[in-house]
Structure formats: structure tokens, C-alpha cells
């Protein structure tokens, strides 16, 4: 069970792999823009930046995966309640159902097993769900935990609440899928556009090296290429923010 979904701990192999990816890319850019070993070695520090960027993406992907699996978890929980199980026993039954859909290492299986263990240790379902919500930082999980706690205190219809929450999550996830589908093409276009300046430099270096020669191995060239690189990175980051739509 993951202690905090907002923190991702690399294994040594993962960290080294992502660092080498970033360092190789940074070194390649350094060679293109400066044609000097100093520039190559200097830009290999991008490996550290890449590790940080990749960690943020892995955290986002893991939360998205948990969100998808949580929807199935609510469906299994609702089915168990409809079959006459109490809310405490419904989680145990939901774990059994989820293991038919996912592996035992799946996030939702681990989380529901954790809830069952807490219930067996005489913690209330509300406390277990609240712990899950705090660790996951996933909006749907947080909302469900709050609504569930309120319903328990006021004697609300738990089955109806779970069914309504599941339907709401389905609608939200479908909307997000549609948005992702719509912008996938634009993301591909943005990726191609971001590579065009690199391709132009590669082309000129290969077929018109004399054209770029004044920009290398002199102070003016270093300053000019540095400004161009900064502008390129700035436009790239702006493009990422524009196409990164949250639902």
C-alpha cells in the first residue's frame, strides 16, 4: 500500500535510466547548439531535470490509474451491498471481485485490502476511507470519503450514494477520455513542431555546415545560440501548458 500518492520513490535502476535518457538528450542538444565538448558536458545536467519531470508524470499517471480502478472498486462495492452484505463485509467481497479483474498488485486491490485490515483492527469504515483519501489526493476518492462519512452520520442511503458517486465518476472519466482523444492529434502536431528547429539545425550541420560556422567557437555565437536555446525551451514549455488540459 502506497503511503503517499503525491510522492514517487525511484528505484536505483529507474533513476539511473531516466537520468541517462535526459543526459543523452541534453548532450545531443549541447552538441547541436555549441559544437563543443564543454557545451555537451554542461547540458548533460538536463538528466537531473528529466528525472524531476518524469517523476511528476509518473505521479500523475499513477493517480489517473487509481482513479480508473476506484470506479471499478465502487461498482464491486455497490454489487456486494445490493447482495445484502453489510458495508464492512462488502469491502471484503469487493476485494474478491476486484482480484478477478486486476492482479493482486493493482492499486485498488491493495487499497481495499488495506481498508479491510483496518476494519478488522476495529477502525471505522469512515476512518479507513479518510486515510485512503488523504494518501491518494485524488478528488473523486476525497469526495466519496466525505459524502460517505456524512451519510453514515445522518443515516443516509449508502447504496444509493455509492451508485450515484460511481455514475458521476463514469461521466467525468468519459468526458476526460473524449477531451484526451480530441487533443491527441494536437499534441502530436505540437511535438512535431517542437522538433522542427532541431531538424533544421541538423540539416544545416550536415549539408550547409559553412552557413552555421560563424555561430560556433566564438563568444558571439555562444551568446546567440544560448538566447535561441532559451527561447526554444520557453516556447516548448508554453506549448506543453496550453495542451495540458485538466478535466
Protein backbone atom coordinates (compact mmCIF):
# COMPACT_ATOMS: atom_id res chain seq x y z
CA UNK A 1 0.00 0.00 0.00
CA UNK A 2 1.38 3.38 -1.05
CA UNK A 3 1.90 5.82 1.83
CA UNK A 4 1.57 8.98 -0.28
CA UNK A 5 0.47 9.01 -3.91
CA UNK A 6 1.89 12.51 -4.36
CA UNK A 7 5.41 11.21 -3.78
CA UNK A 8 7.15 8.80 -6.13
CA UNK A 9 10.29 6.98 -5.00
CA UNK A 10 12.55 5.80 -7.78
CA UNK A 11 14.41 2.54 -7.64
CA UNK A 12 18.12 2.92 -8.36
CA UNK A 13 17.59 1.37 -11.80
CA UNK A 14 14.70 3.71 -12.64
CA UNK A 15 16.59 6.80 -11.50
CA UNK A 16 19.68 5.91 -13.50
CA UNK A 17 17.64 5.04 -16.58
CA UNK A 18 15.75 8.34 -16.64
CA UNK A 19 18.89 10.30 -15.81
CA UNK A 20 20.78 8.74 -18.71
CA UNK A 21 17.87 9.49 -21.06
CA UNK A 22 17.89 13.15 -20.06
CA UNK A 23 21.68 13.40 -20.07
CA UNK A 24 21.88 11.89 -23.56
CA UNK A 25 19.26 14.29 -24.89
CA UNK A 26 20.91 17.26 -23.19
CA UNK A 27 24.32 16.27 -24.52
CA UNK A 28 22.89 15.96 -28.04
CA UNK A 29 21.33 19.43 -27.82
CA UNK A 30 24.61 20.78 -26.47
CA UNK A 31 26.46 19.37 -29.45
CA UNK A 32 23.94 20.82 -31.94
CA UNK A 33 23.89 24.31 -30.41
CA UNK A 34 27.54 24.68 -29.41
CA UNK A 35 29.57 22.01 -31.25
CA UNK A 36 31.87 21.91 -28.26
CA UNK A 37 32.57 19.35 -25.56
CA UNK A 38 32.05 21.97 -22.87
CA UNK A 39 28.51 22.57 -24.13
CA UNK A 40 27.87 18.83 -24.33
CA UNK A 41 29.00 18.19 -20.76
CA UNK A 42 27.21 21.28 -19.45
CA UNK A 43 23.84 20.28 -20.90
CA UNK A 44 24.08 16.72 -19.62
CA UNK A 45 22.79 18.23 -16.36
CA UNK A 46 19.41 18.08 -18.10
CA UNK A 47 19.43 14.50 -16.85
CA UNK A 48 18.52 15.81 -13.38
CA UNK A 49 15.73 17.94 -14.84
CA UNK A 50 14.40 14.97 -16.80
CA UNK A 51 14.31 12.85 -13.64
CA UNK A 52 12.22 15.54 -11.95
CA UNK A 53 9.85 15.94 -14.92
CA UNK A 54 9.43 12.18 -15.25
CA UNK A 55 8.65 11.85 -11.55
CA UNK A 56 5.80 14.36 -11.89
CA UNK A 57 4.44 12.45 -14.89
CA UNK A 58 4.64 9.12 -13.07
CA UNK A 59 2.75 10.58 -10.10
CA UNK A 60 0.06 11.91 -12.43
CA UNK A 61 -0.21 8.58 -14.27
CA UNK A 62 -0.43 6.63 -11.01
CA UNK A 63 -3.25 8.84 -9.70
CA UNK A 64 -5.10 8.50 -13.00
CA UNK A 65 -4.75 4.72 -12.82
CA UNK A 66 -6.04 4.72 -9.25
CA UNK A 67 -8.98 6.88 -10.32
CA UNK A 68 -9.93 4.38 -13.03
CA UNK A 69 -9.58 1.42 -10.70
CA UNK A 70 -11.51 3.17 -7.92
CA UNK A 71 -14.50 3.40 -10.26
CA UNK A 72 -14.45 -0.41 -10.58
CA UNK A 73 -13.98 -0.66 -6.84
CA UNK A 74 -17.18 1.29 -6.24
CA UNK A 75 -19.03 -0.92 -8.73
CA UNK A 76 -17.90 -4.04 -6.85
CA UNK A 77 -18.79 -2.44 -3.53
CA UNK A 78 -22.26 -1.49 -4.78
CA UNK A 79 -22.86 -5.02 -6.07
CA UNK A 80 -21.89 -6.50 -2.70
CA UNK A 81 -24.22 -4.13 -0.85
CA UNK A 82 -27.07 -4.97 -3.21
CA UNK A 83 -26.44 -8.65 -2.46
CA UNK A 84 -27.16 -7.97 1.21
CA UNK A 85 -23.64 -7.63 2.68
CA UNK A 86 -23.02 -5.10 5.43
CA UNK A 87 -20.75 -2.21 4.50
CA UNK A 88 -17.84 -3.78 6.42
CA UNK A 89 -18.21 -7.18 4.74
CA UNK A 90 -18.91 -5.55 1.37
CA UNK A 91 -15.29 -4.38 1.18
CA UNK A 92 -14.05 -7.95 1.68
CA UNK A 93 -16.37 -9.16 -1.08
CA UNK A 94 -15.27 -6.28 -3.31
CA UNK A 95 -11.64 -7.37 -2.90
CA UNK A 96 -12.57 -10.84 -4.13
CA UNK A 97 -14.34 -9.37 -7.17
CA UNK A 98 -11.50 -6.95 -7.93
CA UNK A 99 -8.94 -9.76 -7.93
CA UNK A 100 -10.87 -11.26 -10.85
CA UNK A 101 -10.36 -8.02 -12.79
CA UNK A 102 -6.90 -6.99 -11.63
CA UNK A 103 -3.73 -8.55 -10.30
CA UNK A 104 -3.05 -8.62 -6.57
CA UNK A 105 -0.50 -5.82 -7.10
CA UNK A 106 -3.16 -3.48 -8.54
CA UNK A 107 -3.53 -0.21 -6.64
CA UNK A 108 -7.22 -0.60 -5.85
CA UNK A 109 -6.79 -4.19 -4.66
CA UNK A 110 -4.07 -3.11 -2.24
CA UNK A 111 -6.13 -0.17 -1.02
CA UNK A 112 -9.32 -2.18 -0.44
CA UNK A 113 -7.30 -4.90 1.30
CA UNK A 114 -5.84 -2.15 3.49
CA UNK A 115 -9.34 -0.91 4.32
CA UNK A 116 -10.39 -4.46 5.25
CA UNK A 117 -7.37 -4.82 7.52
CA UNK A 118 -8.16 -1.52 9.25
CA UNK A 119 -11.77 -2.59 9.75
CA UNK A 120 -10.53 -5.86 11.30
CA UNK A 121 -8.42 -3.73 13.66
CA UNK A 122 -11.63 -2.05 14.86
CA UNK A 123 -11.22 1.15 12.87
CA UNK A 124 -14.42 2.52 11.37
CA UNK A 125 -15.03 2.49 7.62
CA UNK A 126 -15.10 6.30 7.68
CA UNK A 127 -11.63 6.44 9.23
CA UNK A 128 -10.25 3.93 6.74
CA UNK A 129 -11.73 5.83 3.78
CA UNK A 130 -10.47 9.14 5.13
CA UNK A 131 -6.97 7.69 5.41
CA UNK A 132 -7.23 6.44 1.82
CA UNK A 133 -8.43 9.85 0.61
CA UNK A 134 -5.64 11.74 2.38
CA UNK A 135 -2.95 9.48 0.96
CA UNK A 136 -4.31 9.40 -2.58
CA UNK A 137 -5.07 13.12 -3.03
CA UNK A 138 -7.48 12.02 -5.78
CA UNK A 139 -10.52 14.29 -5.97
CA UNK A 140 -13.06 11.51 -6.53
CA UNK A 141 -11.76 9.49 -3.58
CA UNK A 142 -11.78 12.56 -1.33
CA UNK A 143 -15.34 13.46 -2.34
CA UNK A 144 -16.56 9.91 -1.80
CA UNK A 145 -14.96 9.70 1.65
CA UNK A 146 -16.58 12.98 2.70
CA UNK A 147 -20.02 12.06 1.34
CA UNK A 148 -19.82 8.57 2.87
CA UNK A 149 -18.91 9.96 6.31
CA UNK A 150 -21.79 12.45 6.15
CA UNK A 151 -24.25 9.74 5.09
CA UNK A 152 -23.18 7.46 7.95
CA UNK A 153 -23.68 10.23 10.48
CA UNK A 154 -27.07 11.24 9.13
CA UNK A 155 -28.35 7.76 8.28
CA UNK A 156 -28.34 8.28 4.51
CA UNK A 157 -28.85 5.60 1.87
CA UNK A 158 -25.30 4.24 1.47
CA UNK A 159 -26.16 2.06 -1.53
CA UNK A 160 -27.71 4.98 -3.39
CA UNK A 161 -24.76 7.22 -2.54
CA UNK A 162 -22.25 4.70 -3.85
CA UNK A 163 -24.28 4.17 -7.02
CA UNK A 164 -24.62 7.92 -7.60
CA UNK A 165 -20.93 8.52 -6.96
CA UNK A 166 -20.00 5.75 -9.37
CA UNK A 167 -22.24 7.18 -12.09
CA UNK A 168 -20.79 10.65 -11.55
CA UNK A 169 -17.27 9.26 -11.82
CA UNK A 170 -18.16 7.40 -15.01
CA UNK A 171 -19.49 10.60 -16.59
CA UNK A 172 -16.42 12.57 -15.56
CA UNK A 173 -13.98 9.93 -16.80
CA UNK A 174 -15.80 9.62 -20.13
CA UNK A 175 -15.61 13.39 -20.61
CA UNK A 176 -11.91 13.29 -19.86
CA UNK A 177 -11.40 10.44 -22.32
CA UNK A 178 -13.18 12.46 -25.00
CA UNK A 179 -11.05 15.51 -24.29
CA UNK A 180 -7.87 13.42 -24.42
CA UNK A 181 -8.99 11.94 -27.75
CA UNK A 182 -9.71 15.39 -29.18
CA UNK A 183 -6.35 16.87 -28.20
CA UNK A 184 -4.21 13.81 -29.02
CA UNK A 185 -3.85 14.98 -32.61
CA UNK A 186 -2.93 18.48 -31.47
CA UNK A 187 -0.35 17.08 -29.06
CA UNK A 188 1.21 15.11 -31.92
CA UNK A 189 1.31 18.25 -34.05
CA UNK A 190 2.87 20.19 -31.16
CA UNK A 191 5.53 17.51 -30.74
CA UNK A 192 6.38 17.65 -34.45
CA UNK A 193 6.52 21.45 -34.38
CA UNK A 194 8.82 21.41 -31.38
CA UNK A 195 11.25 19.15 -33.25
CA UNK A 196 11.36 21.25 -36.44
CA UNK A 197 14.05 23.68 -35.13
CA UNK A 198 16.19 20.69 -34.16
CA UNK A 199 15.75 19.13 -37.61
CA UNK A 200 16.68 22.43 -39.27
CA UNK A 201 19.92 22.66 -37.30
CA UNK A 202 20.73 19.01 -38.05
CA UNK A 203 20.07 19.59 -41.77
CA UNK A 204 22.26 22.69 -41.88
CA UNK A 205 25.03 20.97 -39.94
CA UNK A 206 25.01 18.06 -42.39
CA UNK A 207 24.57 19.85 -45.72
CA UNK A 208 25.47 23.51 -45.16
CA UNK A 209 27.96 23.48 -42.36
CA UNK A 210 29.62 26.68 -43.60
CA UNK A 211 26.34 28.54 -43.06
CA UNK A 212 26.45 27.89 -39.31
CA UNK A 213 30.20 28.09 -38.84
CA UNK A 214 30.14 31.77 -37.69
CA UNK A 215 27.90 30.72 -34.79
CA UNK A 216 30.39 28.26 -33.32
CA UNK A 217 33.66 28.57 -31.41
CA UNK A 218 33.32 32.28 -30.67
CA UNK A 219 31.74 34.44 -27.95
CA UNK A 220 29.07 35.95 -30.20
CA UNK A 221 27.99 32.52 -31.41
CA UNK A 222 27.78 31.14 -27.87
CA UNK A 223 25.63 34.07 -26.70
CA UNK A 224 23.41 33.94 -29.79
CA UNK A 225 22.85 30.18 -29.62
CA UNK A 226 22.19 30.41 -25.88
CA UNK A 227 19.47 33.01 -26.47
CA UNK A 228 17.95 30.83 -29.21
CA UNK A 229 18.03 27.79 -26.91
CA UNK A 230 16.35 29.70 -24.08
CA UNK A 231 13.64 30.96 -26.42
CA UNK A 232 13.15 27.45 -27.79
CA UNK A 233 12.75 25.98 -24.31
CA UNK A 234 10.38 28.78 -23.32
CA UNK A 235 8.12 28.18 -26.33
CA UNK A 236 8.25 24.44 -25.69
CA UNK A 237 7.12 24.85 -22.06
CA UNK A 238 4.35 27.26 -23.11
CA UNK A 239 3.11 24.73 -25.67
CA UNK A 240 3.07 22.00 -23.01
CA UNK A 241 0.94 24.16 -20.71
CA UNK A 242 -1.52 25.05 -23.48
CA UNK A 243 -2.20 21.44 -24.46
CA UNK A 244 -2.19 20.09 -20.90
CA UNK A 245 -5.94 20.34 -20.27
CA UNK A 246 -7.25 19.19 -16.89
CA UNK A 247 -10.85 17.99 -16.50
